[in-house]
Amino acid sequence: RPGLWDPEDSLVRQRHQELRDRLQGAGIALSLELGAEHYWDERVFRVERERLRPHRDGAAILLEVPTQQTPRGLEEACFKLRLKGLLPLLAHPERYADLCKDQERVAALAEKAAFVVDLASLTGEDGADVERAAKWLFKKDLVMAVASDVHRPEDVDRAEAGLAWIKKKLGPQALRRL
């Protein structure tokens, strides 16, 4: 996130390897892959691929946009990312109120980006409107994946409750797929 956290790629890769080495040295068998959540800025819009960090150095790139107003040009930027061989993953689209109120825009954007819903959103953690939007995205079959947005220990319980909702409403196969 420019202005807040925007280290050089070499530093990120160095710290990632140091952490992997420390985990291995401590006898912790854990697959720790490199990735980043890219906050919307001009770099993403201009598709400066050399400054973007796809998950596992593959094609998937996680994007977060301001929740107050979904930026103009988001659809175009996602299209450009696709042309560059990247798959835009839109983090927690259910939180973008203006986007979720425009069903045509949601459908158009879903053709250019994969939607990743936050599990806690299914429990009402971010308010009733966000919960309704998350469940609406599931109803329209627009959710490609779910993830936890865990920042505190209590967030784990909320993510678990979201997993339980998916299993109950959509079934165990959907839970595994998501």
Protein backbone atom coordinates (compact mmCIF):
# COMPACT_ATOMS: atom_id res chain seq x y z
CA ARG A 1 0.00 0.00 0.00
CA PRO A 2 1.84 3.07 -1.24
CA GLY A 3 2.55 5.58 1.50
CA LEU A 4 1.98 2.97 4.20
CA TRP A 5 3.88 -0.16 3.20
CA ASP A 6 5.61 -0.46 -0.15
CA PRO A 7 8.96 -2.28 0.19
CA GLU A 8 11.15 -3.27 -2.71
CA ASP A 9 10.57 -6.77 -4.06
CA SER A 10 14.10 -7.87 -3.10
CA LEU A 11 13.46 -6.98 0.56
CA VAL A 12 10.13 -8.83 0.59
CA ARG A 13 11.73 -11.95 -0.90
CA GLN A 14 14.64 -11.74 1.57
CA ARG A 15 12.31 -11.47 4.60
CA HIS A 16 10.12 -14.26 3.26
CA GLN A 17 13.12 -16.58 2.98
CA GLU A 18 14.35 -15.59 6.45
CA LEU A 19 10.97 -16.46 7.94
CA ARG A 20 10.86 -19.79 6.10
CA ASP A 21 14.37 -20.60 7.37
CA ARG A 22 13.41 -19.73 10.96
CA LEU A 23 10.30 -21.90 10.80
CA GLN A 24 12.27 -24.81 9.40
CA GLY A 25 14.97 -24.29 12.04
CA ALA A 26 12.31 -24.43 14.74
CA GLY A 27 11.01 -27.71 13.33
CA ILE A 28 7.75 -26.20 12.08
CA ALA A 29 6.60 -27.91 8.90
CA LEU A 30 4.56 -25.22 7.19
CA SER A 31 4.13 -24.23 3.58
CA LEU A 32 4.60 -20.47 3.60
CA GLU A 33 4.05 -18.98 0.17
CA LEU A 34 4.72 -15.44 -1.00
CA GLY A 35 1.88 -13.18 -2.03
CA ALA A 36 0.46 -9.72 -1.40
CA GLU A 37 -2.78 -7.83 -1.24
CA HIS A 38 -2.42 -4.85 -3.56
CA TYR A 39 -4.29 -1.77 -2.51
CA TRP A 40 -5.74 0.12 -5.46
CA ASP A 41 -3.35 2.74 -6.80
CA GLU A 42 -2.04 4.01 -10.12
CA ARG A 43 0.52 1.20 -10.31
CA VAL A 44 -2.26 -1.37 -10.48
CA PHE A 45 -4.22 0.75 -12.95
CA ARG A 46 -1.15 1.08 -15.20
CA VAL A 47 -0.43 -2.64 -14.74
CA GLU A 48 3.19 -2.23 -13.71
CA ARG A 49 3.69 -5.97 -13.54
CA GLU A 50 7.25 -5.74 -12.23
CA ARG A 51 5.92 -4.12 -9.02
CA LEU A 52 3.02 -6.52 -8.56
CA ARG A 53 3.37 -9.66 -6.45
CA PRO A 54 1.21 -12.52 -7.73
CA HIS A 55 0.48 -15.35 -5.31
CA ARG A 56 3.18 -18.03 -5.46
CA ASP A 57 4.73 -16.15 -8.40
CA GLY A 58 1.82 -17.43 -10.49
CA ALA A 59 -1.00 -15.55 -12.17
CA ALA A 60 -3.33 -14.68 -9.26
CA ILE A 61 -3.06 -11.13 -7.95
CA LEU A 62 -5.12 -10.02 -4.95
CA LEU A 63 -6.61 -6.52 -5.18
CA GLU A 64 -8.26 -4.39 -2.52
CA VAL A 65 -10.05 -1.18 -3.36
CA PRO A 66 -11.35 1.62 -1.12
CA THR A 67 -14.57 0.54 0.57
CA GLN A 68 -16.04 4.05 0.45
CA GLN A 69 -16.22 4.17 -3.34
CA THR A 70 -15.22 1.58 -5.87
CA PRO A 71 -12.77 3.34 -8.18
CA ARG A 72 -13.62 4.27 -11.72
CA GLY A 73 -11.57 2.24 -14.12
CA LEU A 74 -11.58 -0.90 -11.97
CA GLU A 75 -13.12 -2.98 -14.72
CA GLU A 76 -10.61 -1.64 -17.26
CA ALA A 77 -7.67 -2.33 -14.95
CA CYS A 78 -8.87 -5.89 -14.34
CA PHE A 79 -9.22 -6.38 -18.09
CA LYS A 80 -5.66 -5.11 -18.63
CA LEU A 81 -4.37 -7.44 -15.92
CA ARG A 82 -6.05 -10.34 -17.73
CA LEU A 83 -4.36 -9.28 -21.00
CA LYS A 84 -1.01 -9.39 -19.16
CA GLY A 85 -1.70 -12.99 -18.13
CA LEU A 86 -2.75 -12.20 -14.56
CA LEU A 87 -5.95 -13.21 -12.77
CA PRO A 88 -7.31 -10.38 -10.62
CA LEU A 89 -8.80 -11.57 -7.34
CA LEU A 90 -11.03 -8.91 -5.81
CA ALA A 91 -10.72 -9.09 -2.03
CA HIS A 92 -13.98 -8.89 -0.07
CA PRO A 93 -16.22 -7.38 -2.77
CA GLU A 94 -19.15 -7.62 -0.35
CA ARG A 95 -17.70 -4.64 1.55
CA TYR A 96 -17.91 -2.34 -1.47
CA ALA A 97 -21.43 -1.00 -0.91
CA ASP A 98 -21.66 1.09 -4.08
CA LEU A 99 -20.53 -1.87 -6.18
CA CYS A 100 -23.02 -4.30 -4.62
CA LYS A 101 -25.88 -1.87 -5.26
CA ASP A 102 -25.16 -2.00 -8.99
CA GLN A 103 -25.96 -5.54 -10.11
CA GLU A 104 -24.99 -4.88 -13.72
CA ARG A 105 -21.57 -3.62 -12.69
CA VAL A 106 -21.08 -6.60 -10.38
CA ALA A 107 -21.88 -8.98 -13.25
CA ALA A 108 -19.55 -7.13 -15.63
CA LEU A 109 -16.72 -7.10 -13.10
CA ALA A 110 -17.21 -10.79 -12.33
CA GLU A 111 -16.31 -11.49 -15.97
CA LYS A 112 -12.92 -9.80 -15.46
CA ALA A 113 -12.04 -10.69 -11.87
CA ALA A 114 -12.60 -13.51 -9.42
CA PHE A 115 -14.45 -12.57 -6.23
CA VAL A 116 -12.95 -13.66 -2.89
CA VAL A 117 -15.40 -13.25 0.01
CA ASP A 118 -14.26 -12.81 3.60
CA LEU A 119 -15.63 -15.64 5.74
CA ALA A 120 -16.46 -13.30 8.63
CA SER A 121 -18.76 -11.32 6.32
CA LEU A 122 -21.11 -14.30 6.30
CA THR A 123 -21.58 -13.92 10.06
CA GLY A 124 -22.52 -10.24 10.07
CA GLU A 125 -19.17 -9.19 11.50
CA ASP A 126 -19.00 -6.17 9.20
CA GLY A 127 -22.70 -5.33 9.51
CA ALA A 128 -25.99 -6.56 8.12
CA ASP A 129 -25.54 -4.88 4.72
CA VAL A 130 -22.20 -6.60 4.16
CA GLU A 131 -23.64 -9.94 5.28
CA ARG A 132 -26.56 -9.55 2.84
CA ALA A 133 -24.17 -8.61 0.03
CA ALA A 134 -21.93 -11.62 0.73
CA LYS A 135 -24.86 -14.01 0.70
CA TRP A 136 -26.24 -12.37 -2.46
CA LEU A 137 -22.90 -12.96 -4.21
CA PHE A 138 -23.14 -16.63 -3.24
CA LYS A 139 -26.76 -16.81 -4.43
CA LYS A 140 -25.70 -15.41 -7.82
CA ASP A 141 -22.82 -17.94 -7.94
CA LEU A 142 -20.23 -15.17 -8.28
CA VAL A 143 -17.89 -16.25 -5.46
CA MET A 144 -14.78 -18.03 -6.70
CA ALA A 145 -13.07 -18.41 -3.32
CA VAL A 146 -13.29 -17.53 0.34
CA ALA A 147 -10.56 -16.40 2.68
CA SER A 148 -10.08 -15.30 6.23
CA ASP A 149 -9.16 -11.71 6.96
CA VAL A 150 -7.69 -12.66 10.33
CA HIS A 151 -6.00 -9.87 12.25
CA ARG A 152 -6.80 -10.95 15.83
CA PRO A 153 -7.27 -14.33 17.55
CA GLU A 154 -11.04 -13.82 17.82
CA ASP A 155 -11.23 -13.48 14.03
CA VAL A 156 -10.50 -17.21 13.75
CA ASP A 157 -13.87 -18.02 15.37
CA ARG A 158 -15.63 -15.75 12.87
CA ALA A 159 -13.91 -17.44 9.97
CA GLU A 160 -14.92 -20.82 11.37
CA ALA A 161 -18.54 -19.64 11.59
CA GLY A 162 -18.35 -18.58 7.93
CA LEU A 163 -17.08 -22.03 6.97
CA ALA A 164 -19.99 -23.57 8.89
CA TRP A 165 -22.47 -21.36 7.01
CA ILE A 166 -21.06 -22.48 3.65
CA LYS A 167 -21.17 -26.15 4.64
CA LYS A 168 -24.77 -25.85 5.87
CA LYS A 169 -26.13 -23.78 2.96
CA LEU A 170 -24.03 -25.00 0.04
CA GLY A 171 -22.73 -28.39 1.16
CA PRO A 172 -19.35 -29.96 1.86
CA GLN A 173 -18.34 -30.11 -1.83
CA ALA A 174 -18.80 -26.35 -2.21
CA LEU A 175 -16.85 -25.81 0.99
CA ARG A 176 -13.89 -27.79 -0.36
CA ARG A 177 -14.04 -26.02 -3.73
CA LEU A 178 -14.12 -22.56 -2.17
